[in-house]
Amino acid sequence: MWVPKSFVSLFTSTHEDLAKLKAERDLFRDELTKSNLLNDWFRMQINTLQMERTTLLEKAYNIRVPTPQISKAPTLGEFAGPSLENLDFEDIGDAVAKKLGLPIYGN
């Protein structure tokens, strides 16, 4: 079977090519770490300024406003979701449901 040389060259790599790719990967990893640190610093600065602004508004005008916060988004693998062990599916009973104003189904 005849395979074109250009196709074969896509799957063959030299040691120099691999070394260059590893160097680029390490460079990108370092840049990502620096960017994450800078984003965390900016987030903390903005949150601090928002808290100071809220405190000053409360002292100056005697009004209370909520303080907006920028939170860090979870990265892949950090978010586990709610734990199923802590969920309670126990029936509260018709009397309690009626007292709480919940609909009662069945009998």
N, C-alpha and C. Protein backbone atom coordinates (compact mmCIF):
# COMPACT_ATOMS: atom_id res chain seq x y z
N MET A 1 0.85 -1.18 0.00
CA MET A 1 0.00 0.00 0.00
C MET A 1 0.89 1.24 0.00
N TRP A 2 0.56 2.15 -0.84
CA TRP A 2 1.36 3.37 -0.98
C TRP A 2 0.78 4.47 -0.09
N VAL A 3 1.62 5.08 0.75
CA VAL A 3 1.20 6.16 1.63
C VAL A 3 2.04 7.38 1.27
N PRO A 4 1.39 8.52 1.06
CA PRO A 4 2.16 9.71 0.70
C PRO A 4 3.11 10.12 1.82
N LYS A 5 4.24 10.67 1.43
CA LYS A 5 5.26 11.07 2.40
C LYS A 5 4.75 12.20 3.29
N SER A 6 3.92 13.08 2.78
CA SER A 6 3.39 14.20 3.58
C SER A 6 2.49 13.66 4.70
N PHE A 7 1.79 12.57 4.43
CA PHE A 7 0.93 11.97 5.45
C PHE A 7 1.77 11.31 6.55
N VAL A 8 2.82 10.63 6.16
CA VAL A 8 3.69 9.96 7.12
C VAL A 8 4.41 11.00 7.98
N SER A 9 4.74 12.14 7.39
CA SER A 9 5.46 13.17 8.15
C SER A 9 4.61 13.76 9.27
N LEU A 10 3.27 13.63 9.18
CA LEU A 10 2.41 14.12 10.24
C LEU A 10 2.55 13.30 11.52
N PHE A 11 2.92 12.04 11.39
CA PHE A 11 2.99 11.14 12.54
C PHE A 11 4.40 10.87 13.02
N THR A 12 5.37 11.38 12.33
CA THR A 12 6.74 11.20 12.78
C THR A 12 7.24 12.53 13.35
N SER A 13 7.91 12.45 14.46
CA SER A 13 8.47 13.66 15.05
C SER A 13 9.87 13.37 15.53
N THR A 14 10.65 14.39 15.50
CA THR A 14 12.04 14.23 15.93
C THR A 14 12.15 14.64 17.39
N HIS A 15 13.31 14.37 17.96
CA HIS A 15 13.57 14.73 19.35
C HIS A 15 13.53 16.25 19.52
N GLU A 16 14.00 16.97 18.50
CA GLU A 16 13.99 18.43 18.57
C GLU A 16 12.56 18.97 18.58
N ASP A 17 11.69 18.35 17.78
CA ASP A 17 10.28 18.78 17.75
C ASP A 17 9.62 18.56 19.11
N LEU A 18 9.89 17.41 19.71
CA LEU A 18 9.31 17.12 21.02
C LEU A 18 9.85 18.06 22.09
N ALA A 19 11.13 18.38 22.02
CA ALA A 19 11.72 19.30 22.99
C ALA A 19 11.11 20.69 22.84
N LYS A 20 10.88 21.11 21.60
CA LYS A 20 10.28 22.42 21.36
C LYS A 20 8.83 22.45 21.88
N LEU A 21 8.09 21.38 21.66
CA LEU A 21 6.71 21.32 22.14
C LEU A 21 6.65 21.31 23.67
N LYS A 22 7.58 20.59 24.30
CA LYS A 22 7.61 20.59 25.77
C LYS A 22 7.97 21.96 26.33
N ALA A 23 8.88 22.66 25.66
CA ALA A 23 9.25 24.01 26.10
C ALA A 23 8.05 24.96 25.97
N GLU A 24 7.31 24.85 24.86
CA GLU A 24 6.12 25.68 24.68
C GLU A 24 5.06 25.35 25.73
N ARG A 25 4.89 24.07 26.01
CA ARG A 25 3.92 23.66 27.03
C ARG A 25 4.29 24.23 28.39
N ASP A 26 5.56 24.16 28.75
CA ASP A 26 6.00 24.71 30.03
C ASP A 26 5.82 26.22 30.08
N LEU A 27 6.09 26.88 28.96
CA LEU A 27 5.89 28.32 28.89
C LEU A 27 4.42 28.68 29.08
N PHE A 28 3.52 27.94 28.41
CA PHE A 28 2.09 28.19 28.57
C PHE A 28 1.62 27.90 29.99
N ARG A 29 2.17 26.88 30.61
CA ARG A 29 1.80 26.55 31.99
C ARG A 29 2.23 27.68 32.93
N ASP A 30 3.44 28.22 32.72
CA ASP A 30 3.90 29.33 33.55
C ASP A 30 3.04 30.58 33.33
N GLU A 31 2.69 30.85 32.08
CA GLU A 31 1.84 32.00 31.78
C GLU A 31 0.45 31.85 32.40
N LEU A 32 -0.08 30.64 32.38
CA LEU A 32 -1.38 30.40 33.00
C LEU A 32 -1.32 30.62 34.50
N THR A 33 -0.25 30.17 35.13
CA THR A 33 -0.08 30.37 36.57
C THR A 33 0.00 31.85 36.89
N LYS A 34 0.77 32.60 36.11
CA LYS A 34 0.88 34.05 36.32
C LYS A 34 -0.46 34.73 36.11
N SER A 35 -1.19 34.33 35.09
CA SER A 35 -2.50 34.94 34.82
C SER A 35 -3.49 34.64 35.95
N ASN A 36 -3.46 33.42 36.46
CA ASN A 36 -4.35 33.07 37.58
C ASN A 36 -4.02 33.88 38.82
N LEU A 37 -2.73 34.06 39.10
CA LEU A 37 -2.34 34.87 40.25
C LEU A 37 -2.77 36.32 40.09
N LEU A 38 -2.60 36.86 38.89
CA LEU A 38 -3.00 38.24 38.63
C LEU A 38 -4.52 38.40 38.74
N ASN A 39 -5.27 37.43 38.22
CA ASN A 39 -6.73 37.48 38.34
C ASN A 39 -7.18 37.41 39.79
N ASP A 40 -6.52 36.57 40.58
CA ASP A 40 -6.85 36.49 42.01
C ASP A 40 -6.56 37.82 42.71
N TRP A 41 -5.45 38.44 42.36
CA TRP A 41 -5.11 39.73 42.97
C TRP A 41 -6.14 40.79 42.60
N PHE A 42 -6.51 40.85 41.30
CA PHE A 42 -7.54 41.80 40.86
C PHE A 42 -8.86 41.54 41.57
N ARG A 43 -9.24 40.29 41.70
CA ARG A 43 -10.50 39.95 42.36
C ARG A 43 -10.49 40.42 43.81
N MET A 44 -9.39 40.20 44.51
CA MET A 44 -9.30 40.64 45.90
C MET A 44 -9.33 42.16 46.01
N GLN A 45 -8.67 42.85 45.09
CA GLN A 45 -8.67 44.31 45.13
C GLN A 45 -10.06 44.87 44.88
N ILE A 46 -10.76 44.31 43.91
CA ILE A 46 -12.12 44.80 43.60
C ILE A 46 -13.06 44.51 44.76
N ASN A 47 -12.95 43.32 45.34
CA ASN A 47 -13.81 42.99 46.49
C ASN A 47 -13.53 43.92 47.66
N THR A 48 -12.26 44.25 47.90
CA THR A 48 -11.90 45.16 48.98
C THR A 48 -12.48 46.56 48.71
N LEU A 49 -12.36 47.03 47.47
CA LEU A 49 -12.91 48.34 47.13
C LEU A 49 -14.43 48.37 47.28
N GLN A 50 -15.09 47.28 46.92
CA GLN A 50 -16.56 47.23 47.05
C GLN A 50 -16.96 47.25 48.52
N MET A 51 -16.22 46.54 49.37
CA MET A 51 -16.53 46.57 50.81
C MET A 51 -16.31 47.96 51.39
N GLU A 52 -15.21 48.62 50.99
CA GLU A 52 -14.95 49.98 51.47
C GLU A 52 -16.04 50.94 51.00
N ARG A 53 -16.46 50.80 49.75
CA ARG A 53 -17.51 51.65 49.20
C ARG A 53 -18.82 51.46 49.96
N THR A 54 -19.16 50.23 50.25
CA THR A 54 -20.38 49.95 51.00
C THR A 54 -20.32 50.55 52.41
N THR A 55 -19.16 50.41 53.05
CA THR A 55 -18.99 50.97 54.40
C THR A 55 -19.10 52.49 54.37
N LEU A 56 -18.50 53.12 53.38
CA LEU A 56 -18.57 54.58 53.27
C LEU A 56 -19.99 55.05 52.99
N LEU A 57 -20.72 54.34 52.13
CA LEU A 57 -22.12 54.71 51.86
C LEU A 57 -22.96 54.60 53.13
N GLU A 58 -22.70 53.57 53.91
CA GLU A 58 -23.46 53.38 55.14
C GLU A 58 -23.15 54.49 56.15
N LYS A 59 -21.88 54.87 56.27
CA LYS A 59 -21.51 55.91 57.22
C LYS A 59 -21.95 57.29 56.76
N ALA A 60 -21.83 57.57 55.47
CA ALA A 60 -22.12 58.90 54.97
C ALA A 60 -23.62 59.16 54.84
N TYR A 61 -24.37 58.20 54.32
CA TYR A 61 -25.78 58.43 54.03
C TYR A 61 -26.72 57.61 54.90
N ASN A 62 -26.18 56.81 55.78
CA ASN A 62 -26.99 55.98 56.68
C ASN A 62 -27.90 55.02 55.92
N ILE A 63 -27.41 54.51 54.81
CA ILE A 63 -28.17 53.50 54.05
C ILE A 63 -27.33 52.24 53.96
N ARG A 64 -28.02 51.15 53.94
CA ARG A 64 -27.34 49.85 53.85
C ARG A 64 -27.62 49.25 52.48
N VAL A 65 -26.55 48.99 51.74
CA VAL A 65 -26.67 48.37 50.42
C VAL A 65 -25.87 47.07 50.42
N PRO A 66 -26.28 46.12 49.63
CA PRO A 66 -25.52 44.86 49.58
C PRO A 66 -24.15 45.08 48.92
N THR A 67 -23.20 44.32 49.36
CA THR A 67 -21.84 44.41 48.82
C THR A 67 -21.66 43.37 47.73
N PRO A 68 -21.47 43.81 46.48
CA PRO A 68 -21.23 42.81 45.43
C PRO A 68 -19.84 42.21 45.59
N GLN A 69 -19.72 40.95 45.31
CA GLN A 69 -18.45 40.24 45.43
C GLN A 69 -18.18 39.47 44.14
N ILE A 70 -16.95 39.46 43.73
CA ILE A 70 -16.53 38.63 42.60
C ILE A 70 -15.93 37.37 43.20
N SER A 71 -16.50 36.24 42.86
CA SER A 71 -15.99 34.99 43.40
C SER A 71 -15.26 34.22 42.31
N LYS A 72 -14.37 33.37 42.75
CA LYS A 72 -13.58 32.57 41.82
C LYS A 72 -14.44 31.42 41.31
N ALA A 73 -14.46 31.26 40.01
CA ALA A 73 -15.21 30.16 39.42
C ALA A 73 -14.48 28.85 39.67
N PRO A 74 -15.22 27.79 39.95
CA PRO A 74 -14.54 26.51 40.18
C PRO A 74 -13.91 26.00 38.89
N THR A 75 -12.74 25.43 39.03
CA THR A 75 -12.09 24.85 37.86
C THR A 75 -12.53 23.40 37.71
N LEU A 76 -12.17 22.83 36.63
CA LEU A 76 -12.57 21.46 36.33
C LEU A 76 -12.07 20.53 37.42
N GLY A 77 -12.97 19.76 38.02
CA GLY A 77 -12.60 18.81 39.05
C GLY A 77 -12.81 19.34 40.46
N GLU A 78 -12.98 20.67 40.63
CA GLU A 78 -13.18 21.23 41.97
C GLU A 78 -14.63 21.10 42.41
N PHE A 79 -15.57 21.23 41.48
CA PHE A 79 -16.98 21.23 41.84
C PHE A 79 -17.48 19.81 41.95
N ALA A 80 -17.92 19.44 43.13
CA ALA A 80 -18.41 18.09 43.35
C ALA A 80 -19.93 18.04 43.37
N GLY A 81 -20.57 19.19 43.51
CA GLY A 81 -22.02 19.23 43.58
C GLY A 81 -22.50 18.88 44.97
N PRO A 82 -23.81 18.86 45.15
CA PRO A 82 -24.33 18.54 46.47
C PRO A 82 -24.09 17.08 46.83
N SER A 83 -23.85 16.85 48.09
CA SER A 83 -23.61 15.50 48.56
C SER A 83 -24.94 14.79 48.75
N LEU A 84 -25.06 13.58 48.25
CA LEU A 84 -26.29 12.83 48.36
C LEU A 84 -26.51 12.29 49.77
N GLU A 85 -25.45 12.20 50.56
CA GLU A 85 -25.59 11.69 51.92
C GLU A 85 -26.34 12.67 52.82
N ASN A 86 -26.25 13.97 52.51
CA ASN A 86 -26.85 14.98 53.37
C ASN A 86 -28.30 15.30 52.99
N LEU A 87 -28.79 14.73 51.89
CA LEU A 87 -30.16 15.01 51.47
C LEU A 87 -31.14 14.18 52.31
N ASP A 88 -32.24 14.81 52.68
CA ASP A 88 -33.23 14.14 53.52
C ASP A 88 -34.52 13.97 52.72
N PHE A 89 -34.89 12.75 52.43
CA PHE A 89 -36.11 12.47 51.69
C PHE A 89 -37.21 11.91 52.58
N GLU A 90 -37.10 12.11 53.87
CA GLU A 90 -38.07 11.59 54.80
C GLU A 90 -39.41 12.33 54.63
N ASP A 91 -40.49 11.58 54.63
CA ASP A 91 -41.82 12.17 54.51
C ASP A 91 -42.15 12.94 55.78
N ILE A 92 -42.57 14.21 55.61
CA ILE A 92 -42.87 15.02 56.79
C ILE A 92 -44.25 14.75 57.34
N GLY A 93 -45.06 14.03 56.59
CA GLY A 93 -46.40 13.70 57.07
C GLY A 93 -47.44 14.70 56.58
N ASP A 94 -48.67 14.21 56.46
CA ASP A 94 -49.74 15.05 55.95
C ASP A 94 -50.08 16.21 56.88
N ALA A 95 -50.04 15.98 58.18
CA ALA A 95 -50.40 17.03 59.13
C ALA A 95 -49.42 18.19 59.06
N VAL A 96 -48.13 17.88 59.01
CA VAL A 96 -47.12 18.94 58.93
C VAL A 96 -47.18 19.64 57.58
N ALA A 97 -47.41 18.86 56.50
CA ALA A 97 -47.51 19.46 55.17
C ALA A 97 -48.70 20.41 55.11
N LYS A 98 -49.81 20.01 55.68
CA LYS A 98 -51.00 20.87 55.69
C LYS A 98 -50.74 22.13 56.51
N LYS A 99 -50.03 21.97 57.63
CA LYS A 99 -49.70 23.12 58.48
C LYS A 99 -48.78 24.09 57.75
N LEU A 100 -47.85 23.58 56.94
CA LEU A 100 -46.94 24.42 56.19
C LEU A 100 -47.55 24.99 54.92
N GLY A 101 -48.75 24.55 54.58
CA GLY A 101 -49.42 25.04 53.40
C GLY A 101 -49.01 24.33 52.13
N LEU A 102 -48.43 23.15 52.26
CA LEU A 102 -48.03 22.37 51.09
C LEU A 102 -49.19 21.52 50.64
N PRO A 103 -49.27 21.22 49.33
CA PRO A 103 -50.36 20.39 48.84
C PRO A 103 -50.22 18.96 49.34
N ILE A 104 -51.36 18.31 49.58
CA ILE A 104 -51.39 16.93 50.04
C ILE A 104 -51.98 16.09 48.92
N TYR A 105 -51.23 15.09 48.50
CA TYR A 105 -51.67 14.21 47.41
C TYR A 105 -51.98 12.84 47.98
N GLY A 106 -52.87 12.16 47.35
CA GLY A 106 -53.17 10.78 47.76
C GLY A 106 -54.52 10.66 48.39
N ASN A 107 -54.63 9.78 49.34
CA ASN A 107 -55.90 9.40 49.99
C ASN A 107 -56.76 10.58 50.15
